[in-house]
């Protein structure tokens, strides 16, 4: 059993880390929930890109054709990356930008993977889901916002650990999950707090830890670019830029074959 002084230190940590991080954890919960159901919300708002119904055996066009269709919509921009939804291979989303490192002015074209038809130009910087995503990821503050939310995640983890340390001394004489309804309102709220805290312990810790790690993504990528990627492209330093690119479809086929 921890001593009185130790308990006071843990109680102070639990109190202030909880108070500081709670507002932002509530914000992340409220903005994260719509992101889970972004497809359903997109259908409701009419912003979801829909592929035409066709037989599942319909062959797909070459990825090079998809890229050409997208670039024809924005000939002054270059392709940045191309992606698909994990559960839907009928649509390719091609993102284009002014430079390979651009973070603003991005354009996206949704192309039917079976017909090569441009279906839509999703707006990346407006709308309800954009607001929810930006608040959830960086508070509209870029890297500084991400790192701030990561710090809030760290405070949440400290609050959870300190709460676990305090749980045993304050609940040693109570049955697990017991709520003393006959006592004062303050005592009932304390018991409910302890019950909800210990029941959601694993979930809250996993969410806090993984969320904090996700905020380091930009830093990890920059480190990789300055270390392994820099070493990989070092032999090409000083050489003129490539004017003729290889086939994107060939690269995809080779990657899928590995």
C-alpha atoms as a PDB file:
ATOM      1  CA  UNK A   1       0.000   0.000   0.000  1.00  0.00           C
ATOM      2  CA  UNK A   2       1.527   3.371  -0.984  1.00  0.00           C
ATOM      3  CA  UNK A   3       2.230   5.836   1.814  1.00  0.00           C
ATOM      4  CA  UNK A   4       0.168   8.970   2.421  1.00  0.00           C
ATOM      5  CA  UNK A   5       2.730  11.251   0.762  1.00  0.00           C
ATOM      6  CA  UNK A   6       2.959   8.979  -2.291  1.00  0.00           C
ATOM      7  CA  UNK A   7      -0.821   8.873  -2.616  1.00  0.00           C
ATOM      8  CA  UNK A   8      -0.974  12.681  -2.474  1.00  0.00           C
ATOM      9  CA  UNK A   9       1.569  12.942  -5.298  1.00  0.00           C
ATOM     10  CA  UNK A  10      -0.347  10.461  -7.455  1.00  0.00           C
ATOM     11  CA  UNK A  11      -3.633  12.213  -6.629  1.00  0.00           C
ATOM     12  CA  UNK A  12      -2.157  15.565  -7.706  1.00  0.00           C
ATOM     13  CA  UNK A  13      -0.923  14.040 -10.970  1.00  0.00           C
ATOM     14  CA  UNK A  14      -4.276  12.375 -11.610  1.00  0.00           C
ATOM     15  CA  UNK A  15      -6.246  15.534 -10.904  1.00  0.00           C
ATOM     16  CA  UNK A  16      -4.318  17.956 -13.085  1.00  0.00           C
ATOM     17  CA  UNK A  17      -3.460  15.681 -16.006  1.00  0.00           C
ATOM     18  CA  UNK A  18      -7.129  14.712 -16.174  1.00  0.00           C
ATOM     19  CA  UNK A  19      -8.385  18.293 -16.027  1.00  0.00           C
ATOM     20  CA  UNK A  20      -5.982  19.536 -18.709  1.00  0.00           C
ATOM     21  CA  UNK A  21      -6.471  16.661 -21.160  1.00  0.00           C
ATOM     22  CA  UNK A  22     -10.218  16.070 -20.720  1.00  0.00           C
ATOM     23  CA  UNK A  23     -11.397  18.971 -22.909  1.00  0.00           C
ATOM     24  CA  UNK A  24      -9.198  17.879 -25.796  1.00  0.00           C
ATOM     25  CA  UNK A  25     -10.057  14.206 -25.360  1.00  0.00           C
ATOM     26  CA  UNK A  26     -13.738  15.173 -25.595  1.00  0.00           C
ATOM     27  CA  UNK A  27     -12.977  17.140 -28.769  1.00  0.00           C
ATOM     28  CA  UNK A  28     -11.151  14.139 -30.261  1.00  0.00           C
ATOM     29  CA  UNK A  29     -14.033  11.808 -29.393  1.00  0.00           C
ATOM     30  CA  UNK A  30     -16.630  14.143 -30.918  1.00  0.00           C
ATOM     31  CA  UNK A  31     -14.614  14.661 -34.108  1.00  0.00           C
ATOM     32  CA  UNK A  32     -13.420  11.057 -34.357  1.00  0.00           C
ATOM     33  CA  UNK A  33     -16.920   9.581 -34.290  1.00  0.00           C
ATOM     34  CA  UNK A  34     -18.005  11.184 -37.613  1.00  0.00           C
ATOM     35  CA  UNK A  35     -14.737  10.018 -39.193  1.00  0.00           C
ATOM     36  CA  UNK A  36     -15.632   6.404 -38.383  1.00  0.00           C
ATOM     37  CA  UNK A  37     -18.876   6.811 -40.317  1.00  0.00           C
ATOM     38  CA  UNK A  38     -17.512   9.066 -43.060  1.00  0.00           C
ATOM     39  CA  UNK A  39     -18.947   6.879 -45.841  1.00  0.00           C
ATOM     40  CA  UNK A  40     -22.445   6.964 -44.351  1.00  0.00           C
ATOM     41  CA  UNK A  41     -22.224  10.709 -43.706  1.00  0.00           C
ATOM     42  CA  UNK A  42     -20.943  11.226 -47.247  1.00  0.00           C
ATOM     43  CA  UNK A  43     -23.968   9.383 -48.641  1.00  0.00           C
ATOM     44  CA  UNK A  44     -26.259  11.484 -46.453  1.00  0.00           C
ATOM     45  CA  UNK A  45     -24.653  14.765 -47.551  1.00  0.00           C
ATOM     46  CA  UNK A  46     -24.367  13.704 -51.187  1.00  0.00           C
ATOM     47  CA  UNK A  47     -20.582  14.056 -51.256  1.00  0.00           C
ATOM     48  CA  UNK A  48     -19.696  10.368 -51.561  1.00  0.00           C
ATOM     49  CA  UNK A  49     -18.314   9.335 -54.954  1.00  0.00           C
ATOM     50  CA  UNK A  50     -20.408   6.515 -56.414  1.00  0.00           C
ATOM     51  CA  UNK A  51     -19.219   3.965 -58.963  1.00  0.00           C
ATOM     52  CA  UNK A  52     -21.686   2.760 -61.577  1.00  0.00           C
ATOM     53  CA  UNK A  53     -23.029  -0.763 -60.969  1.00  0.00           C
ATOM     54  CA  UNK A  54     -21.262  -3.233 -63.242  1.00  0.00           C
ATOM     55  CA  UNK A  55     -20.558  -6.980 -63.112  1.00  0.00           C
ATOM     56  CA  UNK A  56     -17.814  -7.870 -60.627  1.00  0.00           C
ATOM     57  CA  UNK A  57     -15.890  -9.581 -63.416  1.00  0.00           C
ATOM     58  CA  UNK A  58     -15.568  -6.341 -65.399  1.00  0.00           C
ATOM     59  CA  UNK A  59     -11.853  -5.862 -66.191  1.00  0.00           C
ATOM     60  CA  UNK A  60     -10.009  -2.777 -64.986  1.00  0.00           C
ATOM     61  CA  UNK A  61      -8.282  -0.306 -67.259  1.00  0.00           C
ATOM     62  CA  UNK A  62      -4.557   0.321 -67.045  1.00  0.00           C
ATOM     63  CA  UNK A  63      -3.415   2.483 -64.166  1.00  0.00           C
ATOM     64  CA  UNK A  64      -1.531   4.593 -66.684  1.00  0.00           C
ATOM     65  CA  UNK A  65      -4.854   5.361 -68.359  1.00  0.00           C
ATOM     66  CA  UNK A  66      -6.322   6.355 -64.991  1.00  0.00           C
ATOM     67  CA  UNK A  67      -3.420   8.704 -64.398  1.00  0.00           C
ATOM     68  CA  UNK A  68      -3.738  10.274 -67.852  1.00  0.00           C
ATOM     69  CA  UNK A  69      -7.446  10.943 -67.282  1.00  0.00           C
ATOM     70  CA  UNK A  70      -6.757  12.632 -63.956  1.00  0.00           C
ATOM     71  CA  UNK A  71      -3.879  14.747 -65.265  1.00  0.00           C
ATOM     72  CA  UNK A  72      -6.025  15.891 -68.191  1.00  0.00           C
ATOM     73  CA  UNK A  73      -8.315  17.585 -65.648  1.00  0.00           C
ATOM     74  CA  UNK A  74      -5.416  19.578 -64.172  1.00  0.00           C
ATOM     75  CA  UNK A  75      -2.643  19.707 -66.801  1.00  0.00           C
ATOM     76  CA  UNK A  76      -0.690  22.317 -64.828  1.00  0.00           C
ATOM     77  CA  UNK A  77      -0.285  19.975 -61.855  1.00  0.00           C
ATOM     78  CA  UNK A  78       1.686  16.792 -61.336  1.00  0.00           C
ATOM     79  CA  UNK A  79       0.540  13.519 -59.800  1.00  0.00           C
ATOM     80  CA  UNK A  80       1.396  13.276 -56.113  1.00  0.00           C
ATOM     81  CA  UNK A  81      -0.096   9.899 -55.256  1.00  0.00           C
ATOM     82  CA  UNK A  82      -2.910   7.529 -56.157  1.00  0.00           C
ATOM     83  CA  UNK A  83      -5.022   5.484 -53.768  1.00  0.00           C
ATOM     84  CA  UNK A  84      -8.140   3.388 -53.281  1.00  0.00           C
ATOM     85  CA  UNK A  85     -10.483   2.720 -50.405  1.00  0.00           C
ATOM     86  CA  UNK A  86      -9.463  -0.522 -48.627  1.00  0.00           C
ATOM     87  CA  UNK A  87     -12.868  -2.082 -49.284  1.00  0.00           C
ATOM     88  CA  UNK A  88     -13.578  -0.746 -52.790  1.00  0.00           C
ATOM     89  CA  UNK A  89     -11.333  -1.292 -55.822  1.00  0.00           C
ATOM     90  CA  UNK A  90     -13.771   0.252 -58.311  1.00  0.00           C
ATOM     91  CA  UNK A  91     -12.475   3.802 -57.924  1.00  0.00           C
ATOM     92  CA  UNK A  92      -9.004   5.301 -58.020  1.00  0.00           C
ATOM     93  CA  UNK A  93      -8.410   8.620 -56.259  1.00  0.00           C
ATOM     94  CA  UNK A  94      -5.599  10.573 -57.916  1.00  0.00           C
ATOM     95  CA  UNK A  95      -4.195  13.500 -55.941  1.00  0.00           C
ATOM     96  CA  UNK A  96      -2.325  16.187 -57.872  1.00  0.00           C
ATOM     97  CA  UNK A  97      -0.228  19.110 -56.697  1.00  0.00           C
ATOM     98  CA  UNK A  98       2.002  21.929 -57.904  1.00  0.00           C
ATOM     99  CA  UNK A  99       5.160  20.304 -56.491  1.00  0.00           C
ATOM    100  CA  UNK A 100       5.931  16.889 -54.953  1.00  0.00           C
ATOM    101  CA  UNK A 101       6.028  18.463 -51.475  1.00  0.00           C
ATOM    102  CA  UNK A 102       3.008  20.779 -51.739  1.00  0.00           C
ATOM    103  CA  UNK A 103       0.676  20.826 -48.737  1.00  0.00           C
ATOM    104  CA  UNK A 104      -1.799  23.327 -50.181  1.00  0.00           C
ATOM    105  CA  UNK A 105      -3.552  23.711 -53.509  1.00  0.00           C
ATOM    106  CA  UNK A 106      -4.070  19.964 -53.822  1.00  0.00           C
ATOM    107  CA  UNK A 107      -6.623  18.632 -56.298  1.00  0.00           C
ATOM    108  CA  UNK A 108      -8.158  15.181 -56.451  1.00  0.00           C
ATOM    109  CA  UNK A 109      -9.863  13.301 -59.263  1.00  0.00           C
ATOM    110  CA  UNK A 110     -11.933  10.153 -58.733  1.00  0.00           C
ATOM    111  CA  UNK A 111     -11.592   7.816 -61.727  1.00  0.00           C
ATOM    112  CA  UNK A 112     -13.610   4.664 -62.389  1.00  0.00           C
ATOM    113  CA  UNK A 113     -11.086   1.817 -62.369  1.00  0.00           C
ATOM    114  CA  UNK A 114     -13.150  -0.182 -64.898  1.00  0.00           C
ATOM    115  CA  UNK A 115     -14.058   2.432 -67.490  1.00  0.00           C
ATOM    116  CA  UNK A 116     -11.398   5.097 -67.001  1.00  0.00           C
ATOM    117  CA  UNK A 117     -14.134   7.711 -66.647  1.00  0.00           C
ATOM    118  CA  UNK A 118     -13.568  10.689 -64.368  1.00  0.00           C
ATOM    119  CA  UNK A 119     -16.394  10.491 -61.822  1.00  0.00           C
ATOM    120  CA  UNK A 120     -15.825  13.524 -59.625  1.00  0.00           C
ATOM    121  CA  UNK A 121     -13.370  16.025 -58.216  1.00  0.00           C
ATOM    122  CA  UNK A 122     -13.701  15.638 -54.435  1.00  0.00           C
ATOM    123  CA  UNK A 123     -13.048  18.815 -52.466  1.00  0.00           C
ATOM    124  CA  UNK A 124     -10.144  18.229 -50.095  1.00  0.00           C
ATOM    125  CA  UNK A 125     -10.246  21.528 -48.221  1.00  0.00           C
ATOM    126  CA  UNK A 126     -13.888  22.201 -47.447  1.00  0.00           C
ATOM    127  CA  UNK A 127     -17.032  20.624 -46.087  1.00  0.00           C
ATOM    128  CA  UNK A 128     -18.138  19.063 -42.812  1.00  0.00           C
ATOM    129  CA  UNK A 129     -15.792  16.065 -42.943  1.00  0.00           C
ATOM    130  CA  UNK A 130     -12.804  18.306 -43.710  1.00  0.00           C
ATOM    131  CA  UNK A 131     -13.541  20.344 -40.584  1.00  0.00           C
ATOM    132  CA  UNK A 132     -13.920  17.193 -38.467  1.00  0.00           C
ATOM    133  CA  UNK A 133     -10.709  15.705 -39.872  1.00  0.00           C
ATOM    134  CA  UNK A 134      -8.657  18.860 -39.392  1.00  0.00           C
ATOM    135  CA  UNK A 135      -9.849  19.356 -35.817  1.00  0.00           C
ATOM    136  CA  UNK A 136      -9.157  15.705 -35.058  1.00  0.00           C
ATOM    137  CA  UNK A 137      -5.671  15.613 -36.584  1.00  0.00           C
ATOM    138  CA  UNK A 138      -4.050  18.999 -35.951  1.00  0.00           C
ATOM    139  CA  UNK A 139      -6.595  21.620 -34.821  1.00  0.00           C
ATOM    140  CA  UNK A 140      -5.932  23.508 -38.096  1.00  0.00           C
ATOM    141  CA  UNK A 141      -2.424  24.216 -36.740  1.00  0.00           C
ATOM    142  CA  UNK A 142      -0.241  21.876 -38.789  1.00  0.00           C
ATOM    143  CA  UNK A 143       2.646  20.083 -37.101  1.00  0.00           C
ATOM    144  CA  UNK A 144       2.378  22.241 -33.979  1.00  0.00           C
ATOM    145  CA  UNK A 145      -1.249  21.182 -33.570  1.00  0.00           C
ATOM    146  CA  UNK A 146      -0.361  17.512 -34.001  1.00  0.00           C
ATOM    147  CA  UNK A 147       2.394  17.667 -31.402  1.00  0.00           C
ATOM    148  CA  UNK A 148       0.105  19.550 -29.012  1.00  0.00           C
ATOM    149  CA  UNK A 149      -2.533  16.826 -29.315  1.00  0.00           C
ATOM    150  CA  UNK A 150       0.222  14.258 -28.838  1.00  0.00           C
ATOM    151  CA  UNK A 151       1.136  15.982 -25.571  1.00  0.00           C
ATOM    152  CA  UNK A 152      -2.516  15.836 -24.533  1.00  0.00           C
ATOM    153  CA  UNK A 153      -2.370  12.107 -25.272  1.00  0.00           C
ATOM    154  CA  UNK A 154       0.645  11.808 -22.978  1.00  0.00           C
ATOM    155  CA  UNK A 155      -1.251  13.608 -20.217  1.00  0.00           C
ATOM    156  CA  UNK A 156      -4.136  11.187 -20.740  1.00  0.00           C
ATOM    157  CA  UNK A 157      -1.776   8.225 -20.277  1.00  0.00           C
ATOM    158  CA  UNK A 158      -0.411   9.760 -17.069  1.00  0.00           C
ATOM    159  CA  UNK A 159      -3.984  10.305 -15.864  1.00  0.00           C
ATOM    160  CA  UNK A 160      -4.830   6.662 -16.587  1.00  0.00           C
ATOM    161  CA  UNK A 161      -1.725   5.258 -14.877  1.00  0.00           C
ATOM    162  CA  UNK A 162      -2.174   7.491 -11.836  1.00  0.00           C
ATOM    163  CA  UNK A 163      -5.841   6.520 -11.683  1.00  0.00           C
ATOM    164  CA  UNK A 164      -4.906   2.833 -11.610  1.00  0.00           C
ATOM    165  CA  UNK A 165      -2.416   3.486  -8.791  1.00  0.00           C
ATOM    166  CA  UNK A 166      -5.118   5.279  -6.790  1.00  0.00           C
ATOM    167  CA  UNK A 167      -7.843   2.733  -7.532  1.00  0.00           C
ATOM    168  CA  UNK A 168      -6.694   0.059  -5.064  1.00  0.00           C
ATOM    169  CA  UNK A 169      -6.227   2.294  -1.976  1.00  0.00           C
ATOM    170  CA  UNK A 170      -9.584   4.013  -2.447  1.00  0.00           C
ATOM    171  CA  UNK A 171     -11.578   0.913  -3.379  1.00  0.00           C
ATOM    172  CA  UNK A 172      -9.954  -1.764  -1.222  1.00  0.00           C
ATOM    173  CA  UNK A 173     -13.058  -2.181   0.948  1.00  0.00           C
ATOM    174  CA  UNK A 174     -15.575  -2.042  -1.913  1.00  0.00           C
ATOM    175  CA  UNK A 175     -16.756  -4.784  -4.236  1.00  0.00           C
ATOM    176  CA  UNK A 176     -15.704  -4.354  -7.858  1.00  0.00           C
ATOM    177  CA  UNK A 177     -18.074  -1.939  -9.571  1.00  0.00           C
ATOM    178  CA  UNK A 178     -19.923  -1.068  -6.378  1.00  0.00           C
ATOM    179  CA  UNK A 179     -21.705   2.292  -6.376  1.00  0.00           C
ATOM    180  CA  UNK A 180     -22.738   3.566  -2.953  1.00  0.00           C
ATOM    181  CA  UNK A 181     -26.113   4.977  -3.871  1.00  0.00           C
ATOM    182  CA  UNK A 182     -27.119   5.663  -0.266  1.00  0.00           C
ATOM    183  CA  UNK A 183     -24.180   8.000   0.286  1.00  0.00           C
ATOM    184  CA  UNK A 184     -23.778  11.631  -0.772  1.00  0.00           C
ATOM    185  CA  UNK A 185     -23.999  12.768  -4.377  1.00  0.00           C
ATOM    186  CA  UNK A 186     -20.241  13.398  -4.390  1.00  0.00           C
ATOM    187  CA  UNK A 187     -19.560   9.817  -3.271  1.00  0.00           C
ATOM    188  CA  UNK A 188     -21.879   8.376  -5.920  1.00  0.00           C
ATOM    189  CA  UNK A 189     -20.155  10.377  -8.652  1.00  0.00           C
ATOM    190  CA  UNK A 190     -16.755   9.238  -7.343  1.00  0.00           C
ATOM    191  CA  UNK A 191     -17.853   5.595  -7.461  1.00  0.00           C
ATOM    192  CA  UNK A 192     -19.231   6.022 -10.980  1.00  0.00           C
ATOM    193  CA  UNK A 193     -15.982   7.699 -12.013  1.00  0.00           C
ATOM    194  CA  UNK A 194     -13.952   4.799 -10.628  1.00  0.00           C
ATOM    195  CA  UNK A 195     -16.241   2.221 -12.245  1.00  0.00           C
ATOM    196  CA  UNK A 196     -16.179   3.789 -15.703  1.00  0.00           C
ATOM    197  CA  UNK A 197     -12.454   4.427 -15.443  1.00  0.00           C
ATOM    198  CA  UNK A 198     -11.486   0.853 -14.596  1.00  0.00           C
ATOM    199  CA  UNK A 199     -13.934  -0.687 -17.104  1.00  0.00           C
ATOM    200  CA  UNK A 200     -12.659   1.437 -20.004  1.00  0.00           C
ATOM    201  CA  UNK A 201      -9.028   1.249 -18.868  1.00  0.00           C
ATOM    202  CA  UNK A 202      -7.640  -0.856 -21.725  1.00  0.00           C
ATOM    203  CA  UNK A 203      -9.598   0.974 -24.438  1.00  0.00           C
ATOM    204  CA  UNK A 204      -8.604   4.408 -23.156  1.00  0.00           C
ATOM    205  CA  UNK A 205      -4.942   3.435 -22.821  1.00  0.00           C
ATOM    206  CA  UNK A 206      -4.790   1.967 -26.340  1.00  0.00           C
ATOM    207  CA  UNK A 207      -6.548   5.006 -27.843  1.00  0.00           C
ATOM    208  CA  UNK A 208      -4.292   7.419 -25.972  1.00  0.00           C
ATOM    209  CA  UNK A 209      -1.059   5.573 -26.776  1.00  0.00           C
ATOM    210  CA  UNK A 210      -1.758   4.974 -30.470  1.00  0.00           C
ATOM    211  CA  UNK A 211      -3.093   8.497 -30.917  1.00  0.00           C
ATOM    212  CA  UNK A 212       0.041   9.957 -29.366  1.00  0.00           C
ATOM    213  CA  UNK A 213       2.248   7.825 -31.633  1.00  0.00           C
ATOM    214  CA  UNK A 214       0.256   8.914 -34.706  1.00  0.00           C
ATOM    215  CA  UNK A 215       1.098  12.551 -33.967  1.00  0.00           C
ATOM    216  CA  UNK A 216       4.769  11.723 -34.541  1.00  0.00           C
ATOM    217  CA  UNK A 217       4.111  10.593 -38.138  1.00  0.00           C
ATOM    218  CA  UNK A 218       5.423  13.765 -39.807  1.00  0.00           C
ATOM    219  CA  UNK A 219       8.601  13.701 -37.725  1.00  0.00           C
ATOM    220  CA  UNK A 220       9.190  10.019 -38.481  1.00  0.00           C
ATOM    221  CA  UNK A 221       8.704  10.594 -42.222  1.00  0.00           C
ATOM    222  CA  UNK A 222      11.084  13.563 -42.192  1.00  0.00           C
ATOM    223  CA  UNK A 223      13.677  11.470 -40.363  1.00  0.00           C
ATOM    224  CA  UNK A 224      13.252   8.688 -42.928  1.00  0.00           C
ATOM    225  CA  UNK A 225      13.630  11.187 -45.768  1.00  0.00           C
ATOM    226  CA  UNK A 226      16.810  12.588 -44.279  1.00  0.00           C
ATOM    227  CA  UNK A 227      18.273   9.174 -43.489  1.00  0.00           C
ATOM    228  CA  UNK A 228      17.307   6.138 -45.578  1.00  0.00           C
ATOM    229  CA  UNK A 229      15.732   7.980 -48.502  1.00  0.00           C
ATOM    230  CA  UNK A 230      18.663  10.390 -48.761  1.00  0.00           C
ATOM    231  CA  UNK A 231      21.020   7.411 -48.878  1.00  0.00           C
ATOM    232  CA  UNK A 232      18.879   5.709 -51.524  1.00  0.00           C
ATOM    233  CA  UNK A 233      18.864   8.679 -53.922  1.00  0.00           C
ATOM    234  CA  UNK A 234      22.459   9.767 -53.249  1.00  0.00           C
ATOM    235  CA  UNK A 235      23.831   8.055 -56.424  1.00  0.00           C
ATOM    236  CA  UNK A 236      21.516  10.219 -58.546  1.00  0.00           C
ATOM    237  CA  UNK A 237      22.623  13.530 -57.036  1.00  0.00           C
ATOM    238  CA  UNK A 238      23.510  16.118 -59.669  1.00  0.00           C
ATOM    239  CA  UNK A 239      21.901  14.189 -62.512  1.00  0.00           C
ATOM    240  CA  UNK A 240      19.197  15.842 -64.664  1.00  0.00           C
ATOM    241  CA  UNK A 241      15.566  15.050 -63.763  1.00  0.00           C
ATOM    242  CA  UNK A 242      13.981  12.067 -65.474  1.00  0.00           C
ATOM    243  CA  UNK A 243      11.853  13.183 -68.404  1.00  0.00           C
ATOM    244  CA  UNK A 244      10.250   9.845 -69.242  1.00  0.00           C
ATOM    245  CA  UNK A 245       8.631   7.924 -66.413  1.00  0.00           C
ATOM    246  CA  UNK A 246       8.091   4.191 -66.342  1.00  0.00           C
ATOM    247  CA  UNK A 247       4.691   2.514 -66.488  1.00  0.00           C
ATOM    248  CA  UNK A 248       2.660   2.883 -63.317  1.00  0.00           C
ATOM    249  CA  UNK A 249       0.666  -0.244 -64.161  1.00  0.00           C
ATOM    250  CA  UNK A 250       3.864  -2.265 -64.570  1.00  0.00           C
ATOM    251  CA  UNK A 251       5.085  -1.063 -61.176  1.00  0.00           C
ATOM    252  CA  UNK A 252       1.762  -1.965 -59.532  1.00  0.00           C
ATOM    253  CA  UNK A 253       1.699  -5.417 -61.130  1.00  0.00           C
ATOM    254  CA  UNK A 254       5.253  -6.096 -59.975  1.00  0.00           C
ATOM    255  CA  UNK A 255       4.469  -4.935 -56.428  1.00  0.00           C
ATOM    256  CA  UNK A 256       1.370  -7.124 -56.186  1.00  0.00           C
ATOM    257  CA  UNK A 257       3.342 -10.125 -57.433  1.00  0.00           C
ATOM    258  CA  UNK A 258       5.824  -9.937 -54.559  1.00  0.00           C
END
